């Protein structure tokens, strides 16, 4: 979750349903726009042109909306601004919760890595560096077990003079008794 509480806002369904019960869908949408503006920017200037711009309502409907949202306790109206104690309390709680989570994460990082930074990295002192041993161990294990790692045999060199090659003779086919016995006693490769 982002640390900046201005980019998200908790919505408590029960609270808002009770506040919005007597509002039209248009008023509910306009109220949400006002709530989001207040959450991000703070108190809203109580001027019809600004409120109309935020709510996307014509100025003729803004006055009725302002009256409705103040009567229902969503916002409080002063001569200069619209403010919301309801949203102010929620924002304080959200900021406090975010700070507490951040502090817990810092404590966990400190406990795990022994650092106070929230971006603690693994300490190179805690990780043994044995990379220099690996090639020697690999080589010694190869030399110790030559049967597991046979060296490749050299390819035959071409003969200096061309000689006629004998015609390939067909390889003998296994007899049916050989094939039947293959699974039981012989290993065919």
N, C-alpha and C. Protein backbone atom coordinates (compact mmCIF):
# COMPACT_ATOMS: atom_id res chain seq x y z
N UNK A 1 0.85 -1.17 0.00
CA UNK A 1 0.00 0.00 0.00
C UNK A 1 0.89 1.23 0.00
N UNK A 2 0.48 2.23 -0.71
CA UNK A 2 1.26 3.46 -0.80
C UNK A 2 1.19 4.21 0.51
N UNK A 3 2.31 4.87 0.86
CA UNK A 3 2.37 5.62 2.11
C UNK A 3 1.57 6.92 2.04
N UNK A 4 1.31 7.41 0.85
CA UNK A 4 0.63 8.68 0.69
C UNK A 4 -0.88 8.45 0.79
N UNK A 5 -1.47 8.87 1.92
CA UNK A 5 -2.90 8.63 2.12
C UNK A 5 -3.78 9.53 1.26
N UNK A 6 -3.18 10.45 0.51
CA UNK A 6 -4.02 11.29 -0.34
C UNK A 6 -4.45 10.56 -1.61
N UNK A 7 -3.87 9.40 -1.89
CA UNK A 7 -4.24 8.71 -3.12
C UNK A 7 -5.25 7.59 -2.89
N UNK A 8 -5.64 7.32 -1.67
CA UNK A 8 -6.68 6.34 -1.40
C UNK A 8 -7.53 6.82 -0.23
N UNK A 9 -8.74 6.33 -0.17
CA UNK A 9 -9.68 6.77 0.86
C UNK A 9 -10.54 5.57 1.26
N UNK A 10 -10.64 5.27 2.56
CA UNK A 10 -11.51 4.16 2.97
C UNK A 10 -12.98 4.55 2.81
N UNK A 11 -13.76 3.57 2.41
CA UNK A 11 -15.20 3.79 2.26
C UNK A 11 -15.91 2.77 3.14
N UNK A 12 -16.63 3.26 4.13
CA UNK A 12 -17.38 2.38 5.03
C UNK A 12 -18.82 2.35 4.55
N UNK A 13 -19.19 1.22 4.00
CA UNK A 13 -20.48 1.08 3.32
C UNK A 13 -21.65 1.44 4.23
N UNK A 14 -21.68 0.91 5.44
CA UNK A 14 -22.81 1.17 6.34
C UNK A 14 -22.96 2.65 6.65
N UNK A 15 -21.84 3.33 6.92
CA UNK A 15 -21.90 4.77 7.21
C UNK A 15 -22.46 5.54 6.02
N UNK A 16 -21.93 5.25 4.84
CA UNK A 16 -22.35 6.02 3.67
C UNK A 16 -23.76 5.69 3.23
N UNK A 17 -24.17 4.44 3.35
CA UNK A 17 -25.55 4.11 2.98
C UNK A 17 -26.54 4.85 3.85
N UNK A 18 -26.23 4.96 5.13
CA UNK A 18 -27.16 5.68 6.01
C UNK A 18 -27.15 7.18 5.69
N UNK A 19 -26.00 7.72 5.31
CA UNK A 19 -25.94 9.15 4.97
C UNK A 19 -26.58 9.43 3.61
N UNK A 20 -26.47 8.48 2.68
CA UNK A 20 -26.96 8.70 1.32
C UNK A 20 -28.41 8.23 1.10
N UNK A 21 -29.07 7.73 2.12
CA UNK A 21 -30.40 7.12 1.95
C UNK A 21 -31.42 8.07 1.33
N UNK A 22 -31.31 9.35 1.58
CA UNK A 22 -32.31 10.30 1.08
C UNK A 22 -31.79 11.15 -0.07
N UNK A 23 -30.75 10.66 -0.72
CA UNK A 23 -30.17 11.42 -1.83
C UNK A 23 -30.48 10.73 -3.16
N UNK A 24 -30.52 11.53 -4.21
CA UNK A 24 -30.70 10.98 -5.56
C UNK A 24 -29.36 10.41 -6.03
N UNK A 25 -29.39 9.54 -7.04
CA UNK A 25 -28.12 9.02 -7.57
C UNK A 25 -27.17 10.14 -8.03
N UNK A 26 -27.73 11.17 -8.61
CA UNK A 26 -26.91 12.31 -9.06
C UNK A 26 -26.24 12.99 -7.86
N UNK A 27 -26.97 13.15 -6.78
CA UNK A 27 -26.41 13.77 -5.59
C UNK A 27 -25.35 12.88 -4.94
N UNK A 28 -25.57 11.57 -4.95
CA UNK A 28 -24.58 10.64 -4.39
C UNK A 28 -23.27 10.74 -5.17
N UNK A 29 -23.35 10.73 -6.48
CA UNK A 29 -22.15 10.85 -7.31
C UNK A 29 -21.44 12.17 -7.07
N UNK A 30 -22.19 13.26 -7.00
CA UNK A 30 -21.60 14.58 -6.76
C UNK A 30 -20.97 14.63 -5.37
N UNK A 31 -21.60 13.98 -4.39
CA UNK A 31 -21.05 13.96 -3.03
C UNK A 31 -19.74 13.18 -2.99
N UNK A 32 -19.69 12.06 -3.71
CA UNK A 32 -18.43 11.31 -3.78
C UNK A 32 -17.32 12.17 -4.39
N UNK A 33 -17.63 12.92 -5.42
CA UNK A 33 -16.62 13.80 -6.01
C UNK A 33 -16.15 14.85 -5.01
N UNK A 34 -17.08 15.40 -4.24
CA UNK A 34 -16.69 16.37 -3.19
C UNK A 34 -15.84 15.69 -2.11
N UNK A 35 -16.21 14.47 -1.73
CA UNK A 35 -15.45 13.75 -0.71
C UNK A 35 -14.02 13.50 -1.18
N UNK A 36 -13.87 13.09 -2.43
CA UNK A 36 -12.53 12.82 -2.96
C UNK A 36 -11.71 14.11 -3.04
N UNK A 37 -12.33 15.20 -3.43
CA UNK A 37 -11.61 16.47 -3.50
C UNK A 37 -11.18 16.91 -2.10
N UNK A 38 -12.08 16.78 -1.13
CA UNK A 38 -11.74 17.15 0.24
C UNK A 38 -10.61 16.27 0.77
N UNK A 39 -10.66 14.97 0.49
CA UNK A 39 -9.64 14.04 0.97
C UNK A 39 -8.26 14.43 0.42
N UNK A 40 -8.22 14.80 -0.83
CA UNK A 40 -6.94 15.11 -1.47
C UNK A 40 -6.47 16.53 -1.18
N UNK A 41 -7.39 17.49 -1.14
CA UNK A 41 -6.99 18.91 -1.08
C UNK A 41 -7.38 19.64 0.19
N UNK A 42 -8.18 19.03 1.05
CA UNK A 42 -8.59 19.73 2.26
C UNK A 42 -9.87 20.52 2.04
N UNK A 43 -10.15 21.52 2.91
CA UNK A 43 -11.40 22.28 2.81
C UNK A 43 -11.64 22.84 1.40
N UNK A 44 -12.90 22.78 0.99
CA UNK A 44 -13.29 23.20 -0.36
C UNK A 44 -13.88 24.61 -0.29
N UNK A 45 -13.42 25.52 -1.15
CA UNK A 45 -14.02 26.86 -1.15
C UNK A 45 -15.52 26.78 -1.39
N UNK A 46 -16.28 27.49 -0.58
CA UNK A 46 -17.74 27.45 -0.66
C UNK A 46 -18.21 28.47 -1.69
N UNK A 47 -17.88 28.20 -2.94
CA UNK A 47 -18.28 29.06 -4.05
C UNK A 47 -18.96 28.17 -5.09
N UNK A 48 -20.13 28.60 -5.55
CA UNK A 48 -20.92 27.77 -6.45
C UNK A 48 -20.15 27.36 -7.71
N UNK A 49 -19.36 28.26 -8.28
CA UNK A 49 -18.62 27.94 -9.51
C UNK A 49 -17.61 26.81 -9.25
N UNK A 50 -16.92 26.89 -8.12
CA UNK A 50 -15.93 25.85 -7.79
C UNK A 50 -16.63 24.53 -7.47
N UNK A 51 -17.70 24.59 -6.70
CA UNK A 51 -18.44 23.37 -6.37
C UNK A 51 -19.03 22.73 -7.62
N UNK A 52 -19.52 23.54 -8.55
CA UNK A 52 -20.06 23.02 -9.81
C UNK A 52 -18.95 22.35 -10.63
N UNK A 53 -17.77 22.94 -10.61
CA UNK A 53 -16.64 22.36 -11.34
C UNK A 53 -16.25 21.00 -10.75
N UNK A 54 -16.23 20.90 -9.45
CA UNK A 54 -15.85 19.63 -8.79
C UNK A 54 -16.93 18.57 -9.01
N UNK A 55 -18.19 18.93 -8.82
CA UNK A 55 -19.28 17.95 -8.86
C UNK A 55 -19.81 17.67 -10.26
N UNK A 56 -19.45 18.50 -11.22
CA UNK A 56 -19.94 18.38 -12.61
C UNK A 56 -21.45 18.62 -12.70
N UNK A 57 -21.98 19.32 -11.71
CA UNK A 57 -23.40 19.70 -11.72
C UNK A 57 -23.53 21.13 -12.20
N UNK A 58 -24.70 21.49 -12.74
CA UNK A 58 -24.93 22.91 -13.05
C UNK A 58 -25.03 23.69 -11.73
N UNK A 59 -24.65 24.96 -11.78
CA UNK A 59 -24.65 25.79 -10.56
C UNK A 59 -26.03 25.85 -9.92
N UNK A 60 -27.07 25.72 -10.72
CA UNK A 60 -28.43 25.76 -10.17
C UNK A 60 -28.69 24.60 -9.20
N UNK A 61 -28.02 23.46 -9.36
CA UNK A 61 -28.22 22.30 -8.48
C UNK A 61 -27.23 22.27 -7.31
N UNK A 62 -26.18 23.06 -7.38
CA UNK A 62 -25.14 23.03 -6.35
C UNK A 62 -25.68 23.51 -5.01
N UNK A 63 -26.52 24.54 -5.02
CA UNK A 63 -27.04 25.08 -3.76
C UNK A 63 -27.87 24.04 -3.02
N UNK A 64 -28.74 23.32 -3.74
CA UNK A 64 -29.55 22.27 -3.12
C UNK A 64 -28.64 21.13 -2.60
N UNK A 65 -27.61 20.76 -3.36
CA UNK A 65 -26.69 19.71 -2.93
C UNK A 65 -25.98 20.13 -1.65
N UNK A 66 -25.50 21.37 -1.60
CA UNK A 66 -24.80 21.85 -0.41
C UNK A 66 -25.70 21.78 0.81
N UNK A 67 -26.95 22.18 0.64
CA UNK A 67 -27.91 22.12 1.75
C UNK A 67 -28.14 20.67 2.19
N UNK A 68 -28.29 19.76 1.23
CA UNK A 68 -28.55 18.35 1.54
C UNK A 68 -27.37 17.71 2.28
N UNK A 69 -26.15 17.92 1.79
CA UNK A 69 -25.00 17.25 2.42
C UNK A 69 -24.67 17.83 3.80
N UNK A 70 -25.02 19.08 4.03
CA UNK A 70 -24.81 19.63 5.38
C UNK A 70 -25.91 19.13 6.32
N UNK A 71 -27.14 19.01 5.83
CA UNK A 71 -28.22 18.49 6.67
C UNK A 71 -27.97 17.04 7.08
N UNK A 72 -27.37 16.25 6.19
CA UNK A 72 -27.13 14.83 6.47
C UNK A 72 -25.82 14.58 7.22
N UNK A 73 -25.04 15.61 7.46
CA UNK A 73 -23.82 15.48 8.25
C UNK A 73 -22.61 14.96 7.49
N UNK A 74 -22.68 14.96 6.15
CA UNK A 74 -21.52 14.54 5.37
C UNK A 74 -20.47 15.65 5.38
N UNK A 75 -20.92 16.88 5.22
CA UNK A 75 -20.05 18.06 5.24
C UNK A 75 -20.64 19.11 6.18
N UNK A 76 -19.77 20.01 6.62
CA UNK A 76 -20.18 21.19 7.39
C UNK A 76 -19.87 22.40 6.52
N UNK A 77 -20.78 23.34 6.52
CA UNK A 77 -20.61 24.52 5.67
C UNK A 77 -20.35 25.76 6.52
N UNK A 78 -19.31 26.50 6.13
CA UNK A 78 -19.05 27.81 6.72
C UNK A 78 -19.21 28.82 5.59
N UNK A 79 -19.06 30.07 5.90
CA UNK A 79 -19.18 31.09 4.85
C UNK A 79 -18.10 30.92 3.79
N UNK A 80 -16.93 30.43 4.20
CA UNK A 80 -15.81 30.35 3.26
C UNK A 80 -15.57 28.95 2.68
N UNK A 81 -15.84 27.91 3.45
CA UNK A 81 -15.44 26.57 3.04
C UNK A 81 -16.49 25.51 3.37
N UNK A 82 -16.36 24.39 2.65
CA UNK A 82 -17.03 23.15 3.04
C UNK A 82 -15.94 22.27 3.64
N UNK A 83 -16.22 21.71 4.79
CA UNK A 83 -15.27 20.78 5.41
C UNK A 83 -16.06 19.59 5.94
N UNK A 84 -15.34 18.52 6.23
CA UNK A 84 -16.00 17.31 6.70
C UNK A 84 -15.24 16.75 7.89
N UNK A 85 -15.88 16.83 9.06
CA UNK A 85 -15.27 16.23 10.25
C UNK A 85 -15.20 14.71 10.09
N UNK A 86 -16.22 14.14 9.45
CA UNK A 86 -16.27 12.70 9.20
C UNK A 86 -15.02 12.26 8.42
N UNK A 87 -14.72 12.95 7.31
CA UNK A 87 -13.56 12.58 6.50
C UNK A 87 -12.24 12.93 7.18
N UNK A 88 -12.23 14.02 7.94
CA UNK A 88 -11.00 14.41 8.65
C UNK A 88 -10.59 13.33 9.65
N UNK A 89 -11.57 12.79 10.37
CA UNK A 89 -11.28 11.72 11.33
C UNK A 89 -10.78 10.47 10.60
N UNK A 90 -11.42 10.12 9.48
CA UNK A 90 -10.98 8.95 8.72
C UNK A 90 -9.55 9.13 8.19
N UNK A 91 -9.23 10.34 7.76
CA UNK A 91 -7.89 10.58 7.22
C UNK A 91 -6.84 10.51 8.34
N UNK A 92 -7.17 11.04 9.51
CA UNK A 92 -6.24 10.94 10.64
C UNK A 92 -6.00 9.48 11.01
N UNK A 93 -7.07 8.68 11.02
CA UNK A 93 -6.94 7.25 11.32
C UNK A 93 -6.09 6.55 10.27
N UNK A 94 -6.32 6.87 9.00
CA UNK A 94 -5.57 6.23 7.92
C UNK A 94 -4.09 6.60 8.00
N UNK A 95 -3.80 7.85 8.30
CA UNK A 95 -2.41 8.29 8.42
C UNK A 95 -1.74 7.61 9.61
N UNK A 96 -2.45 7.53 10.73
CA UNK A 96 -1.92 6.87 11.92
C UNK A 96 -1.68 5.38 11.66
N UNK A 97 -2.64 4.72 11.02
CA UNK A 97 -2.48 3.29 10.69
C UNK A 97 -1.28 3.07 9.78
N UNK A 98 -1.12 3.94 8.79
CA UNK A 98 0.01 3.80 7.87
C UNK A 98 1.33 3.98 8.60
N UNK A 99 1.38 4.95 9.52
CA UNK A 99 2.61 5.19 10.29
C UNK A 99 2.92 3.99 11.18
N UNK A 100 1.89 3.43 11.82
CA UNK A 100 2.10 2.26 12.69
C UNK A 100 2.61 1.07 11.88
N UNK A 101 2.05 0.84 10.69
CA UNK A 101 2.51 -0.26 9.85
C UNK A 101 3.95 -0.04 9.40
N UNK A 102 4.28 1.18 9.08
CA UNK A 102 5.65 1.50 8.67
C UNK A 102 6.62 1.26 9.82
N UNK A 103 6.24 1.70 11.02
CA UNK A 103 7.10 1.50 12.19
C UNK A 103 7.30 0.01 12.48
N UNK A 104 6.22 -0.78 12.35
CA UNK A 104 6.33 -2.23 12.57
C UNK A 104 7.26 -2.86 11.53
N UNK A 105 7.16 -2.41 10.29
CA UNK A 105 8.02 -2.96 9.24
C UNK A 105 9.48 -2.59 9.50
N UNK A 106 9.73 -1.39 9.98
CA UNK A 106 11.10 -0.98 10.31
C UNK A 106 11.64 -1.82 11.46
N UNK A 107 10.81 -2.08 12.47
CA UNK A 107 11.25 -2.91 13.59
C UNK A 107 11.54 -4.33 13.13
N UNK A 108 10.71 -4.85 12.25
CA UNK A 108 10.94 -6.20 11.74
C UNK A 108 12.23 -6.26 10.93
N UNK A 109 12.48 -5.23 10.13
CA UNK A 109 13.73 -5.20 9.35
C UNK A 109 14.93 -5.11 10.28
N UNK A 110 14.81 -4.32 11.33
CA UNK A 110 15.91 -4.18 12.27
C UNK A 110 16.15 -5.51 13.00
N UNK A 111 15.08 -6.17 13.38
CA UNK A 111 15.23 -7.45 14.07
C UNK A 111 15.84 -8.50 13.14
N UNK A 112 15.45 -8.47 11.89
CA UNK A 112 15.94 -9.48 10.96
C UNK A 112 17.36 -9.21 10.50
N UNK A 113 17.64 -7.97 10.17
CA UNK A 113 18.92 -7.65 9.56
C UNK A 113 19.86 -6.86 10.46
N UNK A 114 19.37 -6.43 11.60
CA UNK A 114 20.22 -5.66 12.50
C UNK A 114 20.48 -4.25 12.00
N UNK A 115 19.56 -3.73 11.22
CA UNK A 115 19.69 -2.37 10.70
C UNK A 115 18.41 -1.61 11.01
N UNK A 116 18.51 -0.31 11.09
CA UNK A 116 17.34 0.49 11.39
C UNK A 116 16.67 1.02 10.14
N UNK A 117 17.31 0.89 9.00
CA UNK A 117 16.75 1.42 7.76
C UNK A 117 15.57 0.56 7.31
N UNK A 118 14.60 1.21 6.70
CA UNK A 118 13.47 0.44 6.18
C UNK A 118 13.85 -0.29 4.90
N UNK A 119 15.02 0.04 4.35
CA UNK A 119 15.50 -0.63 3.14
C UNK A 119 16.72 -1.49 3.48
N UNK A 120 16.66 -2.22 4.57
CA UNK A 120 17.79 -3.02 5.02
C UNK A 120 18.10 -4.10 4.00
N UNK A 121 19.37 -4.28 3.73
CA UNK A 121 19.83 -5.30 2.80
C UNK A 121 20.61 -6.35 3.59
N UNK A 122 20.77 -7.49 3.00
CA UNK A 122 21.54 -8.55 3.65
C UNK A 122 22.97 -8.07 3.82
N UNK A 123 23.52 -8.35 4.97
CA UNK A 123 24.89 -7.92 5.27
C UNK A 123 25.87 -8.91 4.66
N UNK A 124 26.88 -8.43 3.90
CA UNK A 124 27.85 -9.35 3.33
C UNK A 124 28.66 -10.07 4.41
N UNK A 125 28.76 -9.52 5.62
CA UNK A 125 29.49 -10.16 6.70
C UNK A 125 28.80 -11.44 7.14
N UNK A 126 27.48 -11.51 6.98
CA UNK A 126 26.72 -12.66 7.45
C UNK A 126 26.72 -13.81 6.45
N UNK A 127 27.10 -13.55 5.22
CA UNK A 127 27.06 -14.57 4.19
C UNK A 127 28.49 -15.03 3.91
N UNK A 128 28.81 -16.30 4.17
CA UNK A 128 30.18 -16.76 3.91
C UNK A 128 30.44 -16.78 2.41
N UNK A 129 31.64 -16.38 2.05
CA UNK A 129 32.02 -16.36 0.65
C UNK A 129 32.98 -17.51 0.42
N UNK A 130 32.50 -18.60 -0.15
CA UNK A 130 33.35 -19.74 -0.41
C UNK A 130 33.42 -20.04 -1.90
N UNK A 131 33.25 -19.04 -2.72
CA UNK A 131 33.28 -19.24 -4.16
C UNK A 131 34.66 -19.69 -4.62
N UNK A 132 35.73 -19.28 -3.94
CA UNK A 132 37.08 -19.68 -4.33
C UNK A 132 37.32 -21.17 -4.10
N UNK A 133 36.53 -21.82 -3.26
CA UNK A 133 36.69 -23.23 -2.97
C UNK A 133 36.00 -24.09 -4.02
N UNK A 134 34.97 -23.60 -4.59
CA UNK A 134 34.14 -24.38 -5.50
C UNK A 134 34.92 -24.99 -6.67
N UNK A 135 35.74 -24.25 -7.43
CA UNK A 135 36.42 -24.87 -8.57
C UNK A 135 37.35 -25.99 -8.14
N UNK A 136 38.04 -25.83 -7.03
CA UNK A 136 38.95 -26.86 -6.56
C UNK A 136 38.18 -28.12 -6.18
N UNK A 137 37.08 -27.95 -5.48
CA UNK A 137 36.29 -29.11 -5.09
C UNK A 137 35.74 -29.81 -6.32
N UNK A 138 35.32 -29.05 -7.28
CA UNK A 138 34.77 -29.63 -8.49
C UNK A 138 35.84 -30.42 -9.23
N UNK A 139 37.04 -29.86 -9.35
CA UNK A 139 38.13 -30.53 -10.04
C UNK A 139 38.56 -31.78 -9.29
N UNK A 140 38.69 -31.70 -7.97
CA UNK A 140 39.13 -32.86 -7.20
C UNK A 140 38.10 -33.98 -7.25
N UNK A 141 36.83 -33.65 -7.26
CA UNK A 141 35.83 -34.71 -7.33
C UNK A 141 35.84 -35.36 -8.71
N UNK A 142 36.17 -34.60 -9.74
CA UNK A 142 36.25 -35.16 -11.08
C UNK A 142 37.45 -36.09 -11.18
N UNK A 143 38.56 -35.68 -10.62
CA UNK A 143 39.77 -36.50 -10.67
C UNK A 143 39.64 -37.73 -9.79
N UNK A 144 38.90 -37.63 -8.73
CA UNK A 144 38.76 -38.75 -7.81
C UNK A 144 37.91 -39.86 -8.40
N UNK A 145 37.05 -39.56 -9.33
CA UNK A 145 36.15 -40.56 -9.90
C UNK A 145 36.24 -40.53 -11.42
N UNK A 146 37.34 -40.98 -11.99
CA UNK A 146 37.48 -40.89 -13.44
C UNK A 146 36.49 -41.77 -14.19
N UNK A 147 36.00 -42.85 -13.55
CA UNK A 147 35.06 -43.71 -14.26
C UNK A 147 33.73 -43.01 -14.52
N UNK A 148 33.40 -42.01 -13.71
CA UNK A 148 32.16 -41.27 -13.93
C UNK A 148 32.29 -40.24 -15.03
N UNK A 149 33.51 -39.77 -15.25
CA UNK A 149 33.75 -38.73 -16.24
C UNK A 149 34.86 -39.18 -17.20
N UNK A 150 34.60 -40.14 -18.06
CA UNK A 150 35.66 -40.62 -18.95
C UNK A 150 36.08 -39.52 -19.92
N UNK A 151 37.37 -39.54 -20.25
CA UNK A 151 37.84 -38.56 -21.22
C UNK A 151 37.43 -39.03 -22.60
N UNK A 152 37.13 -38.11 -23.46
CA UNK A 152 36.69 -38.52 -24.80
C UNK A 152 37.86 -39.13 -25.57
N UNK A 153 37.57 -40.16 -26.33
CA UNK A 153 38.62 -40.77 -27.15
C UNK A 153 38.79 -39.93 -28.40
N UNK A 154 40.03 -39.88 -28.90
CA UNK A 154 40.25 -39.06 -30.10
C UNK A 154 39.54 -39.67 -31.29
N UNK A 155 39.14 -38.85 -32.21
CA UNK A 155 38.49 -39.35 -33.42
C UNK A 155 39.56 -39.92 -34.34
N UNK A 156 39.23 -40.93 -35.11
CA UNK A 156 40.24 -41.52 -35.99
C UNK A 156 40.69 -40.50 -37.03
N UNK A 157 41.96 -40.50 -37.30
CA UNK A 157 42.47 -39.58 -38.31
C UNK A 157 42.27 -40.20 -39.68
N UNK A 158 42.08 -39.38 -40.66
CA UNK A 158 41.89 -39.94 -42.01
C UNK A 158 43.20 -40.58 -42.50
N UNK A 159 43.04 -41.62 -43.27
CA UNK A 159 44.23 -42.28 -43.80
C UNK A 159 44.81 -41.44 -44.93
N UNK A 160 46.11 -41.49 -45.13
CA UNK A 160 46.73 -40.66 -46.14
C UNK A 160 46.31 -41.02 -47.55
N UNK A 161 46.08 -42.27 -47.82
CA UNK A 161 45.68 -42.63 -49.18
C UNK A 161 44.28 -43.20 -49.13
N UNK A 162 43.49 -42.83 -50.12
CA UNK A 162 42.14 -43.38 -50.12
C UNK A 162 42.19 -44.88 -50.38
N UNK A 163 41.46 -45.59 -49.62
CA UNK A 163 41.37 -47.03 -49.83
C UNK A 163 39.93 -47.37 -50.08
N UNK A 164 39.71 -48.38 -50.85
CA UNK A 164 38.31 -48.73 -51.11
C UNK A 164 37.66 -49.20 -49.82
N UNK A 165 36.51 -48.70 -49.60
CA UNK A 165 35.80 -49.09 -48.39
C UNK A 165 34.98 -50.32 -48.68
N UNK A 166 34.99 -51.24 -47.76
CA UNK A 166 34.17 -52.43 -47.98
C UNK A 166 32.70 -52.06 -47.89
N UNK A 167 31.92 -52.79 -48.62
CA UNK A 167 30.49 -52.52 -48.57
C UNK A 167 29.96 -52.90 -47.21
N UNK A 168 29.08 -52.10 -46.70
CA UNK A 168 28.58 -52.41 -45.37
C UNK A 168 27.79 -53.69 -45.36
N UNK A 169 28.06 -54.50 -44.38
CA UNK A 169 27.32 -55.75 -44.27
C UNK A 169 26.17 -55.52 -43.31
N UNK A 170 25.06 -56.10 -43.60
CA UNK A 170 23.93 -55.91 -42.69
C UNK A 170 24.22 -56.56 -41.36
N UNK A 171 23.81 -55.89 -40.31
CA UNK A 171 24.01 -56.46 -38.98
C UNK A 171 22.97 -57.53 -38.75
N UNK A 172 23.36 -58.55 -38.04
CA UNK A 172 22.40 -59.65 -37.84
C UNK A 172 21.25 -59.19 -36.95
N UNK A 173 20.07 -59.63 -37.29
CA UNK A 173 18.88 -59.32 -36.50
C UNK A 173 18.81 -60.29 -35.34
N UNK A 174 18.31 -59.82 -34.21
CA UNK A 174 18.18 -60.74 -33.09
C UNK A 174 17.10 -61.77 -33.37
N UNK A 175 17.29 -62.94 -32.88
CA UNK A 175 16.30 -63.99 -33.07
C UNK A 175 15.12 -63.73 -32.15
N UNK A 176 13.97 -64.29 -32.45
CA UNK A 176 12.81 -64.10 -31.57
C UNK A 176 13.06 -64.53 -30.14
N UNK A 177 13.86 -65.57 -29.96
CA UNK A 177 14.13 -65.99 -28.59
C UNK A 177 14.98 -64.95 -27.87
N UNK A 178 15.89 -64.27 -28.62
CA UNK A 178 16.69 -63.20 -28.01
C UNK A 178 15.80 -62.03 -27.58
N UNK A 179 14.84 -61.70 -28.43
CA UNK A 179 13.96 -60.57 -28.13
C UNK A 179 13.10 -60.88 -26.92
N UNK A 180 12.57 -62.10 -26.84
CA UNK A 180 11.73 -62.45 -25.70
C UNK A 180 12.54 -62.45 -24.42
N UNK A 181 13.77 -62.92 -24.50
CA UNK A 181 14.60 -62.99 -23.31
C UNK A 181 15.20 -61.65 -22.91
N UNK A 182 15.08 -60.67 -23.77
CA UNK A 182 15.69 -59.35 -23.52
C UNK A 182 15.18 -58.73 -22.24
N UNK A 183 13.91 -58.79 -22.04
CA UNK A 183 13.33 -58.16 -20.86
C UNK A 183 13.66 -58.92 -19.59
N UNK A 184 13.99 -60.22 -19.75
CA UNK A 184 14.21 -61.01 -18.56
C UNK A 184 15.68 -61.11 -18.18
N UNK A 185 16.55 -61.38 -19.14
CA UNK A 185 17.92 -61.65 -18.74
C UNK A 185 18.96 -60.77 -19.42
N UNK A 186 18.69 -60.22 -20.57
CA UNK A 186 19.69 -59.44 -21.30
C UNK A 186 19.34 -57.96 -21.26
N UNK A 187 20.35 -57.15 -21.28
CA UNK A 187 20.15 -55.71 -21.38
C UNK A 187 20.56 -55.26 -22.76
N UNK A 188 19.61 -54.95 -23.59
CA UNK A 188 19.91 -54.47 -24.94
C UNK A 188 20.12 -52.98 -24.87
N UNK A 189 21.14 -52.53 -25.47
CA UNK A 189 21.45 -51.11 -25.44
C UNK A 189 21.23 -50.51 -26.79
